Structure formats: C-alpha cells, structure tokens
Amino acid sequence: MESRKEENIEFIIQGCIRKNNKFQELLYKKFFGYALSVALIYNHQRSDALEVVNDSFVKVFSKIGKYDTTKPFQGWIRKIVINTSIDHLRRNSKDHQFVETDKYPIRDETPNVISHLAAQDIIEILNLLPQYHKTVFCLYEIEGYSHDEIAEQLGIPTSSSRVYLTRAKQQLRELLPVNYLKE
C-alpha cells in the first residue's frame, strides 16, 4: 500500500514536470493541508499563512524538475514553505518596528497537563511571541537549524539568533509555568 502511494506521488510529480494543470491541481490538493500546517507555525495570521502556501506552490511548480527523487517529497515541500515564510517575514519586517514587551497575558491560569494541548493551542501560544522570536525558536527547536544557518536565512547576526532563542524560551516559560508543565 505504501509503495502504491509513493508511485502515485511520483506519477503526479511527472505530470507536474510536464506542466500539466490537472497534475498540478492534484499535487496542490494532496499537500495543501500539510503546507498550511507548516506555514501556520511561522506566520501569526492565517491570511499570511495562506499567502505563503500559495507562493510556495508557485515555487514548487517552477522548481519541481530539480526535485531529488531519492529524498522524501514532503520534506522538500516543507523546506520550500519554511523558506517562503522566512522570505515573507523579511519582506514584511522592513516596514515594521519590532517592539519587545516583557509580559504576555496568560489566557487560562488553570493548570492542565501539557500533553492535552492541541496543536492549535501550541500555535496560539507561539503566536504570542514576537515574530522573530517565534521564527528563530521554530527554526532551531523544530527544524534543527543551527544559529549560523538561522542568521544567514534571516539576515541577522548569529548572536541575535541566540538572543532571540533565549528570549523566546524565557517568554514560553512565563506563558507555561513550571507547575503547568509538571502535571
């Protein structure tokens, strides 16, 4: 069954390489939800995430001939969505001044078990962080990027990447008190 799925994806990819609209639509539908879930991690607003997903698929379709078939396709799309999110952040941050605040409101002070948090709850908590803190945190902790790689991607000094990560972790600790995490 699994090899049949892989063959199906390879067949769809071949159609996309030939620039067949039907296959592009199939690929878009097949990976839209996944791409959106990745984009939502890196973008505060759903509308920004949707824009990133659409921009990502434009890149996917234009670069699909360069896809290395020995690697998982889903990972390739993930990397494109993350890089497009970073591009979106860079493009939109030029017009905005980032203001850091020391405290963030905690919506629910009742202790719960961390394992009961839904993905949407985690995204909402991450969205309370300033955009650069959230992006550095996700790239470092979720994607496994090094500080040098993050600095290069975001066009910031390596030391800033470290500072943003430290501040993000500190703010997350404030949002999720220790007793909340231990239950």
Protein backbone atom coordinates (compact mmCIF):
# COMPACT_ATOMS: atom_id res chain seq x y z
CA MET A 1 0.00 0.00 0.00
CA GLU A 2 2.79 2.44 0.93
CA SER A 3 4.70 1.80 -2.29
CA ARG A 4 1.49 2.44 -4.21
CA LYS A 5 1.25 5.89 -2.56
CA GLU A 6 4.86 6.63 -3.48
CA GLU A 7 4.21 5.55 -7.07
CA ASN A 8 1.14 7.79 -7.15
CA ILE A 9 3.16 10.78 -5.95
CA GLU A 10 5.90 10.04 -8.46
CA PHE A 11 3.27 9.82 -11.21
CA ILE A 12 1.78 13.17 -10.14
CA ILE A 13 5.25 14.74 -9.98
CA GLN A 14 6.00 13.56 -13.52
CA GLY A 15 2.76 15.20 -14.67
CA CYS A 16 3.77 18.43 -12.92
CA ILE A 17 7.17 18.35 -14.60
CA ARG A 18 5.30 18.26 -17.91
CA LYS A 19 3.39 21.36 -16.65
CA ASN A 20 0.06 19.52 -16.82
CA ASN A 21 -2.53 21.61 -14.93
CA LYS A 22 -4.50 18.54 -13.85
CA PHE A 23 -1.48 17.07 -12.09
CA GLN A 24 -0.56 20.43 -10.56
CA GLU A 25 -4.07 20.65 -9.12
CA LEU A 26 -3.78 17.09 -7.76
CA LEU A 27 -0.46 17.89 -6.10
CA TYR A 28 -1.84 21.12 -4.66
CA LYS A 29 -4.86 19.34 -3.17
CA LYS A 30 -2.75 16.48 -1.85
CA PHE A 31 -0.26 18.69 0.00
CA PHE A 32 -2.26 21.87 0.72
CA GLY A 33 -3.20 20.86 4.28
CA TYR A 34 0.33 19.84 5.12
CA ALA A 35 1.81 23.04 3.66
CA LEU A 36 -0.73 25.15 5.55
CA SER A 37 0.10 23.42 8.84
CA VAL A 38 3.78 24.28 8.34
CA ALA A 39 3.01 27.86 7.28
CA LEU A 40 0.81 28.41 10.33
CA ILE A 41 3.78 27.68 12.58
CA TYR A 42 5.77 30.53 11.05
CA ASN A 43 3.03 33.11 10.44
CA HIS A 44 0.82 34.83 13.01
CA GLN A 45 -2.11 35.42 10.68
CA ARG A 46 -3.94 32.72 8.74
CA SER A 47 -4.15 35.07 5.76
CA ASP A 48 -0.33 35.37 5.75
CA ALA A 49 -0.02 31.59 6.01
CA LEU A 50 -2.35 31.13 3.03
CA GLU A 51 -0.32 33.63 1.03
CA VAL A 52 2.86 31.74 1.92
CA VAL A 53 1.29 28.42 0.89
CA ASN A 54 0.23 29.79 -2.49
CA ASP A 55 3.64 31.39 -3.05
CA SER A 56 5.26 28.10 -2.04
CA PHE A 57 3.28 26.12 -4.59
CA VAL A 58 4.29 28.57 -7.31
CA LYS A 59 7.91 27.78 -6.35
CA VAL A 60 7.17 24.04 -6.18
CA PHE A 61 5.73 24.03 -9.70
CA SER A 62 8.57 26.13 -11.11
CA LYS A 63 11.31 24.05 -9.45
CA ILE A 64 9.77 20.58 -9.49
CA GLY A 65 12.17 19.44 -12.20
CA LYS A 66 15.01 19.95 -9.70
CA TYR A 67 13.38 17.76 -7.02
CA ASP A 68 15.70 14.92 -5.93
CA THR A 69 13.54 11.80 -6.10
CA THR A 70 15.80 9.98 -3.63
CA LYS A 71 14.54 12.27 -0.85
CA PRO A 72 11.02 12.48 0.62
CA PHE A 73 8.79 14.84 -1.33
CA GLN A 74 7.02 16.05 1.81
CA GLY A 75 10.35 17.19 3.27
CA TRP A 76 11.13 19.07 0.07
CA ILE A 77 7.81 20.91 0.23
CA ARG A 78 8.34 21.63 3.94
CA LYS A 79 11.66 23.30 3.21
CA ILE A 80 10.10 25.43 0.47
CA VAL A 81 7.25 26.53 2.79
CA ILE A 82 9.70 27.40 5.58
CA ASN A 83 11.94 29.38 3.23
CA THR A 84 8.92 31.16 1.75
CA SER A 85 7.77 32.02 5.29
CA ILE A 86 11.20 33.46 6.03
CA ASP A 87 11.08 35.49 2.80
CA HIS A 88 7.62 36.73 3.78
CA LEU A 89 8.91 37.74 7.23
CA ARG A 90 11.90 39.57 5.77
CA ARG A 91 9.76 41.34 3.18
CA ASN A 92 7.19 42.48 5.75
CA SER A 93 9.59 43.30 8.59
CA LYS A 94 11.27 46.10 6.67
CA ASP A 95 8.19 48.26 7.21
CA HIS A 96 7.60 47.31 10.83
CA GLN A 97 9.41 48.18 14.01
CA PHE A 98 9.68 45.20 16.34
CA VAL A 99 8.74 46.16 19.85
CA GLU A 100 9.60 43.76 22.62
CA THR A 101 7.40 43.52 25.62
CA ASP A 102 8.32 41.88 28.88
CA LYS A 103 5.00 40.30 29.76
CA TYR A 104 2.36 38.46 27.76
CA PRO A 105 -1.13 37.71 29.01
CA ILE A 106 -1.86 34.13 30.00
CA ARG A 107 -5.34 33.28 28.84
CA ASP A 108 -6.09 30.36 31.13
CA GLU A 109 -4.44 30.19 34.53
CA THR A 110 -5.96 26.82 35.40
CA PRO A 111 -3.26 24.13 35.43
CA ASN A 112 -3.62 21.49 32.73
CA VAL A 113 -1.48 18.65 31.51
CA ILE A 114 0.82 19.77 28.68
CA SER A 115 0.00 16.62 26.72
CA HIS A 116 -3.62 17.77 26.49
CA LEU A 117 -2.64 20.82 24.50
CA ALA A 118 -3.89 20.59 20.96
CA ALA A 119 -1.73 21.69 18.04
CA GLN A 120 -3.90 24.80 17.72
CA ASP A 121 -3.21 25.66 21.39
CA ILE A 122 0.53 25.38 20.80
CA ILE A 123 0.32 27.58 17.71
CA GLU A 124 -1.69 30.16 19.68
CA ILE A 125 0.97 30.18 22.41
CA LEU A 126 3.75 30.55 19.83
CA ASN A 127 1.79 33.38 18.21
CA LEU A 128 2.12 35.35 21.46
CA LEU A 129 5.85 35.63 20.82
CA PRO A 130 7.26 38.44 18.69
CA GLN A 131 7.66 37.24 15.07
CA TYR A 132 11.46 36.99 15.07
CA HIS A 133 11.50 35.14 18.41
CA LYS A 134 8.89 32.69 17.14
CA THR A 135 10.70 32.15 13.84
CA VAL A 136 14.09 31.55 15.48
CA PHE A 137 12.52 29.23 18.06
CA CYS A 138 10.78 27.15 15.39
CA LEU A 139 13.80 27.00 13.10
CA TYR A 140 16.12 25.98 15.94
CA GLU A 141 13.91 23.74 18.09
CA ILE A 142 11.58 22.22 15.50
CA GLU A 143 13.58 22.21 12.26
CA GLY A 144 17.04 21.72 13.78
CA TYR A 145 18.74 24.65 12.06
CA SER A 146 21.99 25.94 13.61
CA HIS A 147 22.31 29.54 14.75
CA ASP A 148 24.63 30.22 11.82
CA GLU A 149 22.03 28.87 9.37
CA ILE A 150 19.25 30.89 11.01
CA ALA A 151 21.35 34.04 10.95
CA GLU A 152 22.08 33.56 7.26
CA GLN A 153 18.41 32.87 6.43
CA LEU A 154 17.10 35.88 8.36
CA GLY A 155 19.97 38.24 7.56
CA ILE A 156 20.79 38.83 11.23
CA PRO A 157 23.97 38.32 13.30
CA THR A 158 24.45 34.85 14.82
CA SER A 159 24.45 36.41 18.28
CA SER A 160 20.98 37.85 17.59
CA SER A 161 19.71 34.39 16.74
CA ARG A 162 20.95 33.15 20.12
CA VAL A 163 19.38 36.11 21.93
CA TYR A 164 16.02 35.64 20.15
CA LEU A 165 16.01 31.94 21.07
CA THR A 166 16.84 32.67 24.72
CA ARG A 167 14.12 35.30 24.93
CA ALA A 168 11.58 33.04 23.21
CA LYS A 169 12.28 30.26 25.70
CA GLN A 170 12.05 32.69 28.61
CA GLN A 171 8.73 34.03 27.36
CA LEU A 172 7.40 30.50 26.81
CA ARG A 173 8.35 29.61 30.39
CA GLU A 174 6.32 32.60 31.57
CA LEU A 175 3.38 31.53 29.41
CA LEU A 176 3.59 27.92 30.62
CA PRO A 177 4.50 28.00 34.33
CA VAL A 178 6.52 25.06 35.70
CA ASN A 179 3.55 23.58 37.60
CA TYR A 180 1.62 23.62 34.32
CA LEU A 181 4.33 21.55 32.68
CA LYS A 182 4.77 19.05 35.55
CA GLU A 183 1.20 17.83 35.93
